[in-house]
Protein backbone atom coordinates (compact mmCIF):
# COMPACT_ATOMS: atom_id res chain seq x y z
CA MET A 1 79.06 50.33 92.93
CA ALA A 2 81.91 50.69 95.43
CA ASP A 3 84.25 47.63 96.27
CA ALA A 4 83.62 46.60 99.65
CA LEU A 5 86.78 46.73 102.07
CA THR A 6 87.22 43.72 104.16
CA ALA A 7 88.71 44.53 107.81
CA ARG A 8 91.70 42.72 106.41
CA ASP A 9 91.70 45.46 103.75
CA VAL A 10 91.54 48.09 105.98
CA GLU A 11 94.17 46.74 108.08
CA ALA A 12 96.82 46.58 104.98
CA LEU A 13 96.33 50.39 104.27
CA PHE A 14 97.86 51.06 107.46
CA THR A 15 100.06 48.75 108.13
CA ARG A 16 103.81 49.58 107.44
CA ALA A 17 106.50 47.55 105.51
CA ASP A 18 107.88 46.52 108.98
CA GLY A 19 104.52 44.80 110.15
CA SER A 20 103.70 47.42 112.33
CA TYR A 21 99.93 49.20 112.47
CA ALA A 22 99.92 52.88 112.37
CA PHE A 23 97.11 55.03 111.65
CA ALA A 24 96.71 59.18 112.42
CA ARG A 25 94.42 61.92 110.99
CA TRP A 26 94.92 65.46 111.47
CA GLY A 27 94.02 66.92 114.97
CA ARG A 28 93.90 70.46 113.98
CA PRO A 29 92.37 72.61 111.04
CA ILE A 30 94.82 72.27 107.64
CA ALA A 31 96.20 75.67 106.91
CA PRO A 32 98.06 74.75 103.62
CA VAL A 33 100.90 76.73 101.55
CA VAL A 34 102.16 75.71 98.27
CA PHE A 35 105.49 76.62 96.50
CA GLY A 36 106.78 76.38 93.20
CA VAL A 37 103.72 76.39 90.83
CA GLU A 38 101.48 78.91 89.10
CA GLU A 39 98.29 80.58 90.13
CA ASP A 40 96.10 78.23 87.93
CA THR A 41 97.71 75.24 89.47
CA LEU A 42 97.47 76.49 92.99
CA THR A 43 93.64 77.25 92.47
CA VAL A 44 93.69 73.44 91.57
CA ILE A 45 95.48 72.10 94.67
CA LYS A 46 93.52 74.14 97.00
CA GLY A 47 90.14 73.18 95.45
CA ALA A 48 91.26 69.45 95.67
CA LEU A 49 92.15 70.30 99.55
CA GLU A 50 89.11 71.96 100.17
CA ALA A 51 86.87 68.89 98.35
CA VAL A 52 88.72 66.28 100.55
CA VAL A 53 88.69 67.91 103.75
CA ALA A 54 84.93 68.73 103.35
CA LEU A 55 84.39 64.89 102.35
CA ALA A 56 86.39 64.11 105.81
CA GLY A 57 84.21 66.43 107.75
CA HIS A 58 87.37 68.35 109.00
CA ARG A 59 88.49 71.92 108.73
CA MET A 60 90.87 74.25 107.07
CA ALA A 61 92.33 77.52 108.20
CA GLU A 62 94.30 80.41 106.91
CA THR A 63 97.04 80.09 109.81
CA ASP A 64 97.92 77.49 112.06
CA PRO A 65 98.41 79.33 115.52
CA GLU A 66 101.88 77.43 116.34
CA LEU A 67 103.34 77.02 112.90
CA GLY A 68 101.93 79.48 110.33
CA ALA A 69 101.31 76.78 107.94
CA ASN A 70 101.30 73.09 108.87
CA LEU A 71 100.83 71.57 105.20
CA MET A 72 103.42 72.57 102.80
CA VAL A 73 103.57 71.46 99.55
CA PHE A 74 106.72 71.73 97.16
CA PHE A 75 106.96 71.39 93.50
CA PHE A 76 110.58 71.39 91.91
CA ARG A 77 112.39 70.22 89.09
CA GLU A 78 115.67 68.38 91.02
CA TRP A 79 116.12 67.20 94.62
CA ASP A 80 119.19 69.44 94.87
CA GLU A 81 117.06 72.35 94.82
CA LEU A 82 115.50 71.76 98.51
CA PRO A 83 118.68 72.56 100.46
CA GLU A 84 118.77 75.57 99.05
CA VAL A 85 115.23 76.41 100.34
CA PRO A 86 115.75 79.06 103.17
CA ASN A 87 115.30 77.55 106.66
CA LEU A 88 113.92 74.17 105.28
CA ASP A 89 116.13 72.33 107.27
CA ARG A 90 115.30 74.03 110.43
CA LEU A 91 111.90 72.14 109.41
CA VAL A 92 113.02 69.22 108.20
CA PRO A 93 115.87 67.78 110.22
CA ASP A 94 118.82 65.78 108.38
CA LEU A 95 117.80 67.41 104.94
CA VAL A 96 120.79 66.84 103.20
CA PRO A 97 121.06 63.16 103.75
CA LEU A 98 117.22 62.74 102.71
CA VAL A 99 118.11 64.73 99.75
CA ALA A 100 120.93 62.32 98.83
CA LYS A 101 118.66 58.97 99.74
CA LEU A 102 115.61 60.28 97.38
CA LYS A 103 118.42 60.99 94.61
CA ALA A 104 119.97 57.70 94.85
CA VAL A 105 116.41 55.77 94.30
CA GLU A 106 115.37 58.75 91.83
CA ALA A 107 112.28 59.20 93.53
CA ASN A 108 109.88 61.85 92.32
CA GLN A 109 107.57 62.46 95.86
CA TYR A 110 108.22 61.90 99.40
CA ARG A 111 105.90 62.93 102.34
CA ILE A 112 107.12 63.41 106.05
CA PHE A 113 104.45 63.85 108.95
CA ARG A 114 104.76 65.53 112.26
CA PHE A 115 102.52 64.63 115.37
CA ASP A 116 100.82 66.19 118.07
CA PRO A 117 101.11 64.46 121.53
CA ASP A 118 97.91 62.51 121.10
CA GLY A 119 99.19 61.27 117.96
CA GLY A 120 97.05 63.25 115.52
CA ILE A 121 98.88 64.82 112.66
CA LYS A 122 100.50 68.34 113.35
CA ALA A 123 101.97 68.92 109.77
CA SER A 124 103.10 67.56 106.57
CA PHE A 125 105.54 68.37 104.07
CA VAL A 126 105.25 67.14 100.80
CA PHE A 127 107.75 67.05 98.19
CA LEU A 128 107.10 66.59 94.46
CA ARG A 129 109.95 66.39 91.84
CA MET A 130 108.44 66.99 88.64
CA ASP A 131 110.15 64.52 86.30
CA ALA A 132 108.50 63.01 83.30
CA ALA A 133 106.18 60.87 84.86
CA LEU A 134 104.54 63.43 87.16
CA SER A 135 104.72 66.19 84.75
CA ALA A 136 102.63 63.87 82.32
CA VAL A 137 99.65 63.80 85.04
CA SER A 138 97.36 66.39 84.88
CA ALA A 139 97.23 69.06 87.47
CA ASP A 140 93.79 68.07 88.77
CA VAL A 141 94.77 64.54 89.23
CA LEU A 142 97.94 65.02 90.62
CA ALA A 143 96.40 67.30 93.11
CA LEU A 144 93.75 64.95 94.45
CA SER A 145 96.29 62.18 94.52
CA GLN A 146 98.60 64.17 96.85
CA VAL A 147 95.88 65.87 99.01
CA VAL A 148 94.22 62.11 99.51
CA GLN A 149 97.71 60.47 100.44
CA THR A 150 98.03 63.48 103.12
CA ILE A 151 94.63 63.25 104.47
CA LEU A 152 95.40 60.24 106.58
CA LEU A 153 98.91 58.72 107.62
CA TRP A 154 98.42 55.41 105.38
CA SER A 155 100.99 52.68 105.01
CA ASP A 156 103.78 53.29 103.01
CA ARG A 157 102.48 50.46 100.77
CA ALA A 158 98.78 51.37 100.76
CA PHE A 159 98.55 52.52 97.00
CA ARG A 160 101.58 50.87 95.57
CA ASP A 161 99.51 48.46 93.61
CA ARG A 162 96.36 50.45 93.41
CA SER A 163 95.78 53.84 93.24
CA PRO A 164 93.21 55.84 95.37
CA LEU A 165 91.75 57.27 92.19
CA ALA A 166 89.52 55.61 89.19
CA VAL A 167 88.21 57.22 86.07
CA LEU A 168 84.28 57.45 85.90
CA GLU A 169 83.02 58.73 82.59
CA GLY A 170 86.02 60.24 81.57
CA ARG A 171 86.40 61.92 84.92
CA THR A 172 89.11 61.26 87.54
CA ILE A 173 87.28 60.25 91.08
CA LEU A 174 88.50 59.32 94.34
CA ARG A 175 87.52 55.49 94.53
CA PRO A 176 84.25 55.24 96.62
CA GLU A 177 85.52 52.98 99.09
CA ILE A 178 88.53 55.15 99.81
CA ALA A 179 86.19 57.82 100.54
CA GLY A 180 84.00 56.27 102.73
CA LEU A 181 87.32 54.89 104.74
CA ILE A 182 88.25 58.65 105.14
CA ARG A 183 84.95 59.62 106.03
CA ALA A 184 84.94 56.89 108.61
CA ALA A 185 88.41 57.54 109.94
CA TYR A 186 87.28 61.24 110.70
CA ASP A 187 84.29 60.01 112.59
CA PRO A 188 84.05 61.79 115.88
CA VAL A 189 84.03 58.68 117.96
CA MET A 190 86.99 57.37 116.22
CA PRO A 191 90.79 58.13 117.71
CA VAL A 192 92.98 60.41 116.00
CA ALA A 193 95.38 57.74 116.29
CA ALA A 194 95.99 54.10 116.54
CA ARG A 195 98.57 51.58 116.58
CA ASP A 196 96.65 48.38 117.55
CA PRO A 197 95.02 46.58 114.17
CA SER A 198 91.84 46.08 116.08
CA HIS A 199 91.32 50.08 114.75
CA ALA A 200 90.91 48.34 111.58
CA LEU A 201 88.16 46.21 112.67
CA ARG A 202 86.24 49.55 114.13
CA LEU A 203 86.82 51.17 110.78
CA GLN A 204 85.57 48.55 109.07
CA ALA A 205 82.25 48.45 111.25
CA ARG A 206 82.00 52.28 110.41
CA LEU A 207 81.97 51.56 106.98
CA ARG A 208 79.28 48.89 106.80
CA ALA A 209 77.12 51.30 108.87
CA ALA A 210 77.36 53.80 106.49
CA GLN A 211 76.44 51.76 103.60
């Protein structure tokens, strides 16, 4: 049985380290492209994305009319590879200083979001440096984890202490309460973006109604 999320739990998942509440969901169909993996892994990633998008009741597309691809996932070995990617510095401003910062803290992943005027997610860039820790994670677990963390704008602290995934009978699954929260967040009656913590009360009410 899923752990029940209180309104305070929900609020914490979207409250950033600086104390601000920031929620957003995708406002347009997701058109993904993945770099740096073999075909088998690509299939796993796209399968995870399709499953989570279907869970949310959202949509995918072959291309975004404005951007072409609006979800870009990069797999690589060293951060220094990123500035060598053609035109990436046009998509990610201040790429070189960002890479220096990520190297300094020995980060193995980083996500950037871009937003439409209404606050909905317009695009996301996911960077995964395949160090020993990430390389030890199976492709299906890594894919599901990254997709879940990209389907909404979560707090920068949301899953620091507890993964959004769980193991059930030997299989890795999305924690039921997180799955329910994603569904609630994409309910058509809910806004695509919110900055007021009262939004968490509405989300929790949707969760209760669905149980």
